[in-house]
C-alpha atoms as a PDB file:
ATOM      1  CA  MET A   1    -155.414   4.235 153.487  1.00  0.00           C
ATOM      2  CA  GLU A   2    -155.180   0.529 154.135  1.00  0.00           C
ATOM      3  CA  HIS A   3    -152.255  -1.610 152.985  1.00  0.00           C
ATOM      4  CA  HIS A   4    -151.791  -5.375 153.190  1.00  0.00           C
ATOM      5  CA  LEU A   5    -148.395  -7.039 153.443  1.00  0.00           C
ATOM      6  CA  SER A   6    -147.798  -9.865 151.011  1.00  0.00           C
ATOM      7  CA  ARG A   7    -146.623 -13.120 152.534  1.00  0.00           C
ATOM      8  CA  GLU A   8    -144.284 -15.867 151.429  1.00  0.00           C
ATOM      9  CA  THR A   9    -144.526 -19.425 152.733  1.00  0.00           C
ATOM     10  CA  LEU A  10    -141.270 -21.119 153.663  1.00  0.00           C
ATOM     11  CA  ASN A  11    -141.193 -24.898 154.017  1.00  0.00           C
ATOM     12  CA  TYR A  12    -138.290 -26.223 156.043  1.00  0.00           C
ATOM     13  CA  ALA A  13    -137.061 -29.029 158.294  1.00  0.00           C
ATOM     14  CA  ASN A  14    -137.102 -27.708 161.835  1.00  0.00           C
ATOM     15  CA  LEU A  15    -134.418 -29.069 164.161  1.00  0.00           C
ATOM     16  CA  VAL A  16    -136.554 -29.795 167.222  1.00  0.00           C
ATOM     17  CA  HIS A  17    -134.215 -31.912 169.316  1.00  0.00           C
ATOM     18  CA  THR A  18    -130.544 -32.867 169.679  1.00  0.00           C
ATOM     19  CA  ALA A  19    -128.977 -35.362 172.049  1.00  0.00           C
ATOM     20  CA  ALA A  20    -125.730 -37.243 172.669  1.00  0.00           C
ATOM     21  CA  PRO A  21    -126.772 -40.540 174.305  1.00  0.00           C
ATOM     22  CA  THR A  22    -124.307 -43.257 175.331  1.00  0.00           C
ATOM     23  CA  ALA A  23    -124.656 -46.927 176.175  1.00  0.00           C
ATOM     24  CA  ASP A  24    -122.447 -49.407 178.040  1.00  0.00           C
ATOM     25  CA  GLU A  25    -123.126 -52.954 176.880  1.00  0.00           C
ATOM     26  CA  SER A  26    -121.573 -56.349 177.569  1.00  0.00           C
ATOM     27  CA  LEU A  27    -122.052 -59.934 176.471  1.00  0.00           C
ATOM     28  CA  ASP A  28    -120.549 -63.235 177.621  1.00  0.00           C
ATOM     29  CA  LEU A  29    -118.943 -65.570 175.102  1.00  0.00           C
ATOM     30  CA  ILE A  30    -118.024 -69.235 175.408  1.00  0.00           C
ATOM     31  CA  VAL A  31    -114.990 -70.512 173.503  1.00  0.00           C
ATOM     32  CA  PRO A  32    -116.114 -73.133 170.936  1.00  0.00           C
ATOM     33  CA  ASP A  33    -115.020 -76.700 171.614  1.00  0.00           C
ATOM     34  CA  ALA A  34    -112.875 -76.712 168.482  1.00  0.00           C
ATOM     35  CA  GLN A  35    -110.678 -73.862 169.777  1.00  0.00           C
ATOM     36  CA  PRO A  36    -108.020 -73.964 172.514  1.00  0.00           C
ATOM     37  CA  ASP A  37    -108.274 -72.321 175.943  1.00  0.00           C
ATOM     38  CA  ILE A  38    -107.513 -68.622 176.362  1.00  0.00           C
ATOM     39  CA  LEU A  39    -104.169 -67.592 177.846  1.00  0.00           C
ATOM     40  CA  ARG A  40    -104.454 -63.826 177.331  1.00  0.00           C
ATOM     41  CA  ILE A  41    -106.350 -61.278 175.257  1.00  0.00           C
ATOM     42  CA  ILE A  42    -104.283 -59.598 172.539  1.00  0.00           C
ATOM     43  CA  SER A  43    -106.887 -57.144 171.207  1.00  0.00           C
ATOM     44  CA  ALA A  44    -110.611 -56.473 170.865  1.00  0.00           C
ATOM     45  CA  GLU A  45    -111.394 -54.750 167.550  1.00  0.00           C
ATOM     46  CA  PRO A  46    -114.928 -53.258 167.313  1.00  0.00           C
ATOM     47  CA  GLU A  47    -117.022 -52.518 164.223  1.00  0.00           C
ATOM     48  CA  ILE A  48    -120.400 -50.826 164.732  1.00  0.00           C
ATOM     49  CA  PHE A  49    -123.549 -51.398 162.656  1.00  0.00           C
ATOM     50  CA  VAL A  50    -126.925 -49.635 162.710  1.00  0.00           C
ATOM     51  CA  ARG A  51    -129.968 -51.897 162.314  1.00  0.00           C
ATOM     52  CA  SER A  52    -132.863 -49.499 162.989  1.00  0.00           C
ATOM     53  CA  LYS A  53    -133.525 -45.778 163.457  1.00  0.00           C
ATOM     54  CA  ASP A  54    -136.951 -44.286 164.184  1.00  0.00           C
ATOM     55  CA  ALA A  55    -139.024 -41.885 166.256  1.00  0.00           C
ATOM     56  CA  GLU A  56    -142.510 -42.094 167.743  1.00  0.00           C
ATOM     57  CA  ASN A  57    -144.505 -41.108 170.818  1.00  0.00           C
ATOM     58  CA  GLY A  58    -141.976 -38.602 172.117  1.00  0.00           C
ATOM     59  CA  LYS A  59    -138.924 -40.864 171.742  1.00  0.00           C
ATOM     60  CA  ALA A  60    -136.176 -41.430 169.167  1.00  0.00           C
ATOM     61  CA  THR A  61    -134.155 -44.647 169.133  1.00  0.00           C
ATOM     62  CA  VAL A  62    -131.142 -45.933 167.229  1.00  0.00           C
ATOM     63  CA  SER A  63    -130.165 -49.566 167.719  1.00  0.00           C
ATOM     64  CA  GLY A  64    -127.793 -52.074 166.242  1.00  0.00           C
ATOM     65  CA  THR A  65    -124.845 -54.284 167.080  1.00  0.00           C
ATOM     66  CA  VAL A  66    -121.135 -53.946 167.687  1.00  0.00           C
ATOM     67  CA  ARG A  67    -119.143 -56.784 166.185  1.00  0.00           C
ATOM     68  CA  VAL A  68    -116.147 -57.330 168.468  1.00  0.00           C
ATOM     69  CA  ASN A  69    -113.357 -59.369 166.888  1.00  0.00           C
ATOM     70  CA  ILE A  70    -111.326 -60.730 169.794  1.00  0.00           C
ATOM     71  CA  ILE A  71    -107.769 -61.872 169.128  1.00  0.00           C
ATOM     72  CA  TYR A  72    -106.264 -64.061 171.846  1.00  0.00           C
ATOM     73  CA  ALA A  73    -103.162 -66.089 172.598  1.00  0.00           C
ATOM     74  CA  PRO A  74    -104.047 -69.739 173.382  1.00  0.00           C
ATOM     75  CA  GLU A  75    -102.587 -71.686 176.271  1.00  0.00           C
ATOM     76  CA  SER A  76    -101.071 -74.057 173.714  1.00  0.00           C
ATOM     77  CA  GLY A  77     -98.895 -71.171 172.472  1.00  0.00           C
ATOM     78  CA  ASP A  78     -99.401 -72.027 168.784  1.00  0.00           C
ATOM     79  CA  GLY A  79    -100.264 -68.592 167.367  1.00  0.00           C
ATOM     80  CA  ALA A  80    -103.105 -66.080 167.616  1.00  0.00           C
ATOM     81  CA  ARG A  81    -106.735 -67.200 167.508  1.00  0.00           C
ATOM     82  CA  LYS A  82    -109.914 -65.202 166.944  1.00  0.00           C
ATOM     83  CA  LEU A  83    -113.422 -65.063 168.353  1.00  0.00           C
ATOM     84  CA  ALA A  84    -116.245 -62.832 167.147  1.00  0.00           C
ATOM     85  CA  VAL A  85    -119.274 -61.675 169.108  1.00  0.00           C
ATOM     86  CA  GLU A  86    -122.166 -59.362 168.189  1.00  0.00           C
ATOM     87  CA  VAL A  87    -122.998 -57.088 171.144  1.00  0.00           C
ATOM     88  CA  PRO A  88    -126.433 -55.396 170.781  1.00  0.00           C
ATOM     89  CA  TYR A  89    -126.864 -51.742 171.764  1.00  0.00           C
ATOM     90  CA  SER A  90    -129.625 -49.130 171.866  1.00  0.00           C
ATOM     91  CA  LEU A  91    -129.381 -45.332 172.039  1.00  0.00           C
ATOM     92  CA  SER A  92    -132.492 -43.307 172.831  1.00  0.00           C
ATOM     93  CA  THR A  93    -133.646 -39.787 173.678  1.00  0.00           C
ATOM     94  CA  SER A  94    -137.002 -38.277 174.667  1.00  0.00           C
ATOM     95  CA  ASP A  95    -138.774 -35.079 173.640  1.00  0.00           C
ATOM     96  CA  ALA A  96    -142.460 -34.180 173.484  1.00  0.00           C
ATOM     97  CA  ASN A  97    -141.976 -32.769 169.948  1.00  0.00           C
ATOM     98  CA  LEU A  98    -141.060 -36.165 168.492  1.00  0.00           C
ATOM     99  CA  THR A  99    -143.672 -38.053 166.481  1.00  0.00           C
ATOM    100  CA  SER A 100    -143.714 -40.909 163.989  1.00  0.00           C
ATOM    101  CA  ALA A 101    -143.229 -38.297 161.240  1.00  0.00           C
ATOM    102  CA  SER A 102    -140.002 -36.955 162.775  1.00  0.00           C
ATOM    103  CA  ARG A 103    -136.818 -37.710 160.898  1.00  0.00           C
ATOM    104  CA  VAL A 104    -133.757 -38.801 162.837  1.00  0.00           C
ATOM    105  CA  VAL A 105    -130.211 -38.125 161.648  1.00  0.00           C
ATOM    106  CA  ALA A 106    -127.628 -40.097 163.610  1.00  0.00           C
ATOM    107  CA  ARG A 107    -123.915 -40.512 164.049  1.00  0.00           C
ATOM    108  CA  VAL A 108    -122.727 -43.510 166.068  1.00  0.00           C
ATOM    109  CA  GLY A 109    -119.345 -44.755 167.159  1.00  0.00           C
ATOM    110  CA  VAL A 110    -117.501 -46.931 169.656  1.00  0.00           C
ATOM    111  CA  ASP A 111    -115.633 -45.009 172.338  1.00  0.00           C
ATOM    112  CA  SER A 112    -114.023 -48.116 173.837  1.00  0.00           C
ATOM    113  CA  ALA A 113    -114.102 -51.902 173.554  1.00  0.00           C
ATOM    114  CA  ASP A 114    -112.352 -54.656 175.461  1.00  0.00           C
ATOM    115  CA  ALA A 115    -112.641 -58.285 176.511  1.00  0.00           C
ATOM    116  CA  VAL A 116    -112.162 -59.715 179.999  1.00  0.00           C
ATOM    117  CA  ILE A 117    -111.267 -63.344 180.694  1.00  0.00           C
ATOM    118  CA  VAL A 118    -113.745 -65.001 183.083  1.00  0.00           C
ATOM    119  CA  ASN A 119    -112.031 -68.394 182.830  1.00  0.00           C
ATOM    120  CA  PRO A 120    -110.011 -70.135 180.080  1.00  0.00           C
ATOM    121  CA  ARG A 121    -113.258 -71.112 178.278  1.00  0.00           C
ATOM    122  CA  LYS A 122    -115.281 -67.942 178.839  1.00  0.00           C
ATOM    123  CA  LEU A 123    -114.864 -64.204 178.385  1.00  0.00           C
ATOM    124  CA  THR A 124    -116.951 -61.024 178.539  1.00  0.00           C
ATOM    125  CA  ALA A 125    -116.927 -58.479 175.699  1.00  0.00           C
ATOM    126  CA  ARG A 126    -117.634 -54.874 176.751  1.00  0.00           C
ATOM    127  CA  VAL A 127    -118.315 -51.817 174.582  1.00  0.00           C
ATOM    128  CA  ASN A 128    -119.122 -48.156 175.174  1.00  0.00           C
ATOM    129  CA  VAL A 129    -121.245 -46.751 172.325  1.00  0.00           C
ATOM    130  CA  VAL A 130    -121.619 -43.002 171.749  1.00  0.00           C
ATOM    131  CA  GLY A 131    -124.117 -41.242 169.512  1.00  0.00           C
ATOM    132  CA  GLU A 132    -125.229 -37.875 168.217  1.00  0.00           C
ATOM    133  CA  LEU A 133    -128.921 -37.623 167.317  1.00  0.00           C
ATOM    134  CA  ARG A 134    -130.606 -34.752 165.469  1.00  0.00           C
ATOM    135  CA  CYS A 135    -134.390 -34.842 165.069  1.00  0.00           C
ATOM    136  CA  PHE A 136    -136.251 -32.811 162.420  1.00  0.00           C
ATOM    137  CA  ASN A 137    -139.941 -32.042 161.898  1.00  0.00           C
ATOM    138  CA  ASP A 138    -141.381 -30.714 158.636  1.00  0.00           C
ATOM    139  CA  GLU A 139    -142.810 -27.251 159.244  1.00  0.00           C
ATOM    140  CA  SER A 140    -143.794 -24.095 157.362  1.00  0.00           C
ATOM    141  CA  VAL A 141    -143.886 -20.412 158.270  1.00  0.00           C
ATOM    142  CA  GLU A 142    -145.395 -17.364 156.577  1.00  0.00           C
ATOM    143  CA  VAL A 143    -142.978 -14.458 156.261  1.00  0.00           C
ATOM    144  CA  PRO A 144    -144.313 -10.956 155.457  1.00  0.00           C
ATOM    145  CA  THR A 145    -142.615  -9.194 152.551  1.00  0.00           C
ATOM    146  CA  ALA A 146    -142.526  -5.556 151.364  1.00  0.00           C
ATOM    147  CA  GLU A 147    -143.594  -6.430 147.837  1.00  0.00           C
ATOM    148  CA  GLY A 148    -145.674  -3.604 146.335  1.00  0.00           C
ATOM    149  CA  LEU A 149    -145.103  -1.159 149.199  1.00  0.00           C
ATOM    150  CA  GLY A 150    -142.430   0.740 147.318  1.00  0.00           C
ATOM    151  CA  ASP A 151    -145.142   2.477 145.259  1.00  0.00           C
ATOM    152  CA  ALA A 152    -147.105   3.670 148.318  1.00  0.00           C
ATOM    153  CA  ASP A 153    -146.552   7.404 148.937  1.00  0.00           C
ATOM    154  CA  ASP A 154    -147.541   7.254 152.613  1.00  0.00           C
ATOM    155  CA  ILE A 155    -145.234   4.358 153.598  1.00  0.00           C
ATOM    156  CA  GLU A 156    -141.480   4.462 154.075  1.00  0.00           C
ATOM    157  CA  THR A 157    -139.618   1.164 153.964  1.00  0.00           C
ATOM    158  CA  LEU A 158    -136.338   0.655 155.776  1.00  0.00           C
ATOM    159  CA  PRO A 159    -134.393  -1.902 153.717  1.00  0.00           C
ATOM    160  CA  TYR A 160    -132.364  -4.526 155.559  1.00  0.00           C
ATOM    161  CA  SER A 161    -131.116  -7.789 154.157  1.00  0.00           C
ATOM    162  CA  ALA A 162    -129.874 -10.918 155.872  1.00  0.00           C
ATOM    163  CA  GLU A 163    -129.019 -14.414 154.741  1.00  0.00           C
ATOM    164  CA  LEU A 164    -131.399 -17.080 156.025  1.00  0.00           C
ATOM    165  CA  ASN A 165    -130.033 -20.633 156.142  1.00  0.00           C
ATOM    166  CA  LEU A 166    -132.641 -23.272 156.915  1.00  0.00           C
ATOM    167  CA  PRO A 167    -132.560 -27.057 156.604  1.00  0.00           C
ATOM    168  CA  THR A 168    -134.955 -27.656 153.717  1.00  0.00           C
ATOM    169  CA  ASP A 169    -134.957 -31.438 153.406  1.00  0.00           C
ATOM    170  CA  VAL A 170    -133.789 -34.591 155.181  1.00  0.00           C
ATOM    171  CA  ARG A 171    -133.557 -37.743 153.081  1.00  0.00           C
ATOM    172  CA  GLU A 172    -131.860 -41.148 152.996  1.00  0.00           C
ATOM    173  CA  LYS A 173    -130.352 -43.413 150.363  1.00  0.00           C
ATOM    174  CA  ILE A 174    -129.664 -47.095 151.009  1.00  0.00           C
ATOM    175  CA  PHE A 175    -126.753 -48.431 148.970  1.00  0.00           C
ATOM    176  CA  THR A 176    -124.166 -51.196 148.757  1.00  0.00           C
ATOM    177  CA  VAL A 177    -120.471 -51.089 147.887  1.00  0.00           C
ATOM    178  CA  ASN A 178    -119.226 -54.257 146.173  1.00  0.00           C
ATOM    179  CA  ASP A 179    -115.627 -54.583 145.088  1.00  0.00           C
ATOM    180  CA  ASP A 180    -112.810 -57.027 144.453  1.00  0.00           C
ATOM    181  CA  VAL A 181    -109.588 -55.390 145.652  1.00  0.00           C
ATOM    182  CA  ALA A 182    -105.958 -56.387 145.883  1.00  0.00           C
ATOM    183  CA  LEU A 183    -103.817 -56.163 148.983  1.00  0.00           C
ATOM    184  CA  PRO A 184    -100.908 -53.710 148.709  1.00  0.00           C
ATOM    185  CA  ALA A 185     -98.050 -55.227 146.706  1.00  0.00           C
ATOM    186  CA  SER A 186     -95.725 -55.045 149.726  1.00  0.00           C
ATOM    187  CA  ASN A 187     -98.071 -57.154 151.879  1.00  0.00           C
ATOM    188  CA  ALA A 188     -97.660 -60.874 152.470  1.00  0.00           C
ATOM    189  CA  PRO A 189    -100.461 -63.145 151.219  1.00  0.00           C
ATOM    190  CA  LEU A 190    -103.505 -63.583 153.469  1.00  0.00           C
ATOM    191  CA  SER A 191    -103.914 -66.950 155.156  1.00  0.00           C
ATOM    192  CA  GLU A 192    -106.647 -66.213 157.724  1.00  0.00           C
ATOM    193  CA  LEU A 193    -108.662 -63.033 158.272  1.00  0.00           C
ATOM    194  CA  LEU A 194    -108.723 -61.950 161.917  1.00  0.00           C
ATOM    195  CA  SER A 195    -110.761 -58.734 161.776  1.00  0.00           C
ATOM    196  CA  SER A 196    -112.026 -56.028 159.429  1.00  0.00           C
ATOM    197  CA  LYS A 197    -113.544 -52.580 159.781  1.00  0.00           C
ATOM    198  CA  ALA A 198    -115.394 -50.599 157.088  1.00  0.00           C
ATOM    199  CA  THR A 199    -115.562 -46.802 156.953  1.00  0.00           C
ATOM    200  CA  ILE A 200    -117.646 -44.763 154.485  1.00  0.00           C
ATOM    201  CA  ALA A 201    -116.268 -41.321 153.574  1.00  0.00           C
ATOM    202  CA  PRO A 202    -118.436 -39.032 151.362  1.00  0.00           C
ATOM    203  CA  GLU A 203    -116.221 -36.607 149.440  1.00  0.00           C
ATOM    204  CA  GLU A 204    -118.248 -34.806 146.739  1.00  0.00           C
ATOM    205  CA  THR A 205    -121.850 -33.699 146.076  1.00  0.00           C
ATOM    206  CA  LYS A 206    -123.383 -32.302 142.897  1.00  0.00           C
ATOM    207  CA  VAL A 207    -126.939 -31.444 141.805  1.00  0.00           C
ATOM    208  CA  VAL A 208    -127.970 -32.446 138.274  1.00  0.00           C
ATOM    209  CA  GLY A 209    -131.573 -31.605 137.445  1.00  0.00           C
ATOM    210  CA  SER A 210    -133.720 -33.060 140.226  1.00  0.00           C
ATOM    211  CA  LYS A 211    -131.008 -35.443 141.430  1.00  0.00           C
ATOM    212  CA  LEU A 212    -128.227 -35.223 143.997  1.00  0.00           C
ATOM    213  CA  ILE A 213    -125.094 -37.179 143.154  1.00  0.00           C
ATOM    214  CA  PHE A 214    -122.794 -37.946 146.065  1.00  0.00           C
ATOM    215  CA  LYS A 215    -119.477 -39.714 145.673  1.00  0.00           C
ATOM    216  CA  GLY A 216    -116.821 -40.940 148.031  1.00  0.00           C
ATOM    217  CA  SER A 217    -114.606 -43.772 149.191  1.00  0.00           C
ATOM    218  CA  ALA A 218    -115.127 -46.882 151.279  1.00  0.00           C
ATOM    219  CA  TYR A 219    -112.099 -47.871 153.350  1.00  0.00           C
ATOM    220  CA  THR A 220    -111.643 -51.358 154.821  1.00  0.00           C
ATOM    221  CA  ASP A 221    -108.951 -52.004 157.431  1.00  0.00           C
ATOM    222  CA  LEU A 222    -107.828 -55.620 157.653  1.00  0.00           C
ATOM    223  CA  LEU A 223    -105.930 -57.601 160.275  1.00  0.00           C
ATOM    224  CA  TYR A 224    -104.899 -61.093 159.181  1.00  0.00           C
ATOM    225  CA  LEU A 225    -102.511 -63.997 159.579  1.00  0.00           C
ATOM    226  CA  THR A 226     -99.892 -64.745 156.933  1.00  0.00           C
ATOM    227  CA  GLU A 227     -98.903 -68.225 155.797  1.00  0.00           C
ATOM    228  CA  ASN A 228     -96.095 -68.154 158.401  1.00  0.00           C
ATOM    229  CA  GLY A 229     -98.528 -67.411 161.222  1.00  0.00           C
ATOM    230  CA  ASP A 230     -97.447 -63.776 161.581  1.00  0.00           C
ATOM    231  CA  THR A 231     -99.988 -60.994 161.966  1.00  0.00           C
ATOM    232  CA  ALA A 232    -100.217 -58.331 159.265  1.00  0.00           C
ATOM    233  CA  SER A 233    -102.458 -55.367 158.525  1.00  0.00           C
ATOM    234  CA  ALA A 234    -103.669 -53.779 155.308  1.00  0.00           C
ATOM    235  CA  ALA A 235    -105.994 -50.998 154.217  1.00  0.00           C
ATOM    236  CA  VAL A 236    -107.925 -51.233 150.946  1.00  0.00           C
ATOM    237  CA  LYS A 237    -110.046 -48.605 149.236  1.00  0.00           C
ATOM    238  CA  SER A 238    -113.161 -48.745 147.052  1.00  0.00           C
ATOM    239  CA  GLU A 239    -115.030 -45.929 145.264  1.00  0.00           C
ATOM    240  CA  PHE A 240    -118.781 -45.350 145.237  1.00  0.00           C
ATOM    241  CA  SER A 241    -121.247 -42.994 143.536  1.00  0.00           C
ATOM    242  CA  GLN A 242    -124.941 -42.703 144.397  1.00  0.00           C
ATOM    243  CA  ILE A 243    -127.955 -40.786 143.030  1.00  0.00           C
ATOM    244  CA  LEU A 244    -130.702 -39.416 145.283  1.00  0.00           C
ATOM    245  CA  GLU A 245    -133.957 -37.899 143.999  1.00  0.00           C
ATOM    246  CA  LEU A 246    -134.665 -34.452 145.475  1.00  0.00           C
ATOM    247  CA  GLU A 247    -138.091 -32.966 146.048  1.00  0.00           C
ATOM    248  CA  LEU A 248    -136.786 -29.404 145.732  1.00  0.00           C
ATOM    249  CA  ALA A 249    -133.610 -29.406 143.652  1.00  0.00           C
ATOM    250  CA  ASP A 250    -131.392 -26.407 144.325  1.00  0.00           C
ATOM    251  CA  ALA A 251    -127.808 -26.284 143.152  1.00  0.00           C
ATOM    252  CA  GLU A 252    -127.149 -23.457 145.615  1.00  0.00           C
ATOM    253  CA  SER A 253    -127.978 -25.653 148.619  1.00  0.00           C
ATOM    254  CA  GLU A 254    -125.369 -27.215 150.846  1.00  0.00           C
ATOM    255  CA  PHE A 255    -125.628 -30.968 151.341  1.00  0.00           C
ATOM    256  CA  GLU A 256    -124.335 -32.788 154.405  1.00  0.00           C
ATOM    257  CA  VAL A 257    -123.986 -36.537 153.863  1.00  0.00           C
ATOM    258  CA  ILE A 258    -123.774 -38.603 157.063  1.00  0.00           C
ATOM    259  CA  PRO A 259    -123.119 -42.312 156.387  1.00  0.00           C
ATOM    260  CA  LEU A 260    -124.113 -45.258 158.566  1.00  0.00           C
ATOM    261  CA  VAL A 261    -122.748 -48.759 157.989  1.00  0.00           C
ATOM    262  CA  THR A 262    -125.445 -51.406 158.429  1.00  0.00           C
ATOM    263  CA  ALA A 263    -123.365 -54.496 157.570  1.00  0.00           C
ATOM    264  CA  SER A 264    -120.001 -55.427 156.068  1.00  0.00           C
ATOM    265  CA  TYR A 265    -118.451 -58.625 154.765  1.00  0.00           C
ATOM    266  CA  VAL A 266    -114.898 -59.446 153.694  1.00  0.00           C
ATOM    267  CA  ASP A 267    -114.048 -62.745 152.004  1.00  0.00           C
ATOM    268  CA  PRO A 268    -110.530 -63.758 150.919  1.00  0.00           C
ATOM    269  CA  ILE A 269    -110.404 -64.794 147.271  1.00  0.00           C
ATOM    270  CA  THR A 270    -108.684 -68.142 146.789  1.00  0.00           C
ATOM    271  CA  GLY A 271    -107.542 -69.957 143.682  1.00  0.00           C
ATOM    272  CA  GLY A 272    -106.369 -68.556 140.369  1.00  0.00           C
ATOM    273  CA  ASP A 273    -103.419 -66.288 139.659  1.00  0.00           C
ATOM    274  CA  TYR A 274    -104.231 -63.899 142.531  1.00  0.00           C
ATOM    275  CA  ALA A 275    -104.859 -66.428 145.309  1.00  0.00           C
ATOM    276  CA  GLU A 276    -104.547 -65.052 148.840  1.00  0.00           C
ATOM    277  CA  LYS A 277    -103.722 -61.554 147.541  1.00  0.00           C
ATOM    278  CA  ARG A 278    -107.251 -60.286 146.874  1.00  0.00           C
ATOM    279  CA  VAL A 279    -110.401 -59.852 148.944  1.00  0.00           C
ATOM    280  CA  ALA A 280    -114.078 -59.411 148.069  1.00  0.00           C
ATOM    281  CA  ILE A 281    -115.627 -56.418 149.864  1.00  0.00           C
ATOM    282  CA  GLU A 282    -119.378 -55.966 150.470  1.00  0.00           C
ATOM    283  CA  ILE A 283    -120.499 -52.972 152.552  1.00  0.00           C
ATOM    284  CA  HIS A 284    -124.155 -52.089 153.181  1.00  0.00           C
ATOM    285  CA  ALA A 285    -124.767 -48.470 154.157  1.00  0.00           C
ATOM    286  CA  VAL A 286    -127.283 -45.658 154.507  1.00  0.00           C
ATOM    287  CA  GLY A 287    -126.455 -42.134 153.313  1.00  0.00           C
ATOM    288  CA  GLN A 288    -128.353 -39.593 155.433  1.00  0.00           C
ATOM    289  CA  VAL A 289    -128.596 -36.266 153.576  1.00  0.00           C
ATOM    290  CA  VAL A 290    -129.424 -32.912 155.162  1.00  0.00           C
ATOM    291  CA  ALA A 291    -129.998 -30.133 152.594  1.00  0.00           C
ATOM    292  CA  THR A 292    -129.598 -26.521 153.754  1.00  0.00           C
END
């Protein structure tokens, strides 16, 4: 007697390549004529942005810039001054399985950043960028099943069950966080912003129909000068909620949301009853979502 196994097709996102590339980058910077000479570097505060992310012809690349906010003491001795420089970087990895259809999920960060004085009118900003790249290809596989064999007298089936966890989808959502937030009540008013750094923190996911809702917080760390010329720091928080359309909605899936900041802007709000105590926040980001 002849029997045929039934088959089930599974569509999934196959993890074909992982890598942890690094990049050491540097860029020279000339002090503008309107600013005094450099006596010493106080700090170099980095903020990393991703500008592009793609794969093709056996290679995956993530590139962007690191904004380095350099705080220095001038030779005149009249308080801290700031300089800002955008240092470009590129992280790449190679694998024969990568094509233009591959989807790249990335994490990027700055391992170290500093500034070196070349002369009182020139310095060099240096950064070490680290990344984690995961590359997925859409694939399918046919899995034989025992459907219908239970009724066959001449076949014995040995039942065994196991949980199969596969990445089923990799998607992205571009979004912006806009907010007008107040400095903590205990903080002195802001006179001049020295540096800022935005961090996106996803905290909750939920499937509703064919949509994934992910929520979280955007944190912005500020370093600024007060009206007396003292330095002060503050951390402000904004909330966000985003909706992403899913091709295969499944409330039982697990969703990993990996954010990338592509740009951020902080502007002190002046005038009115809340002058120098509020800031306008604008953060541009990409939410990378891996469904399993």
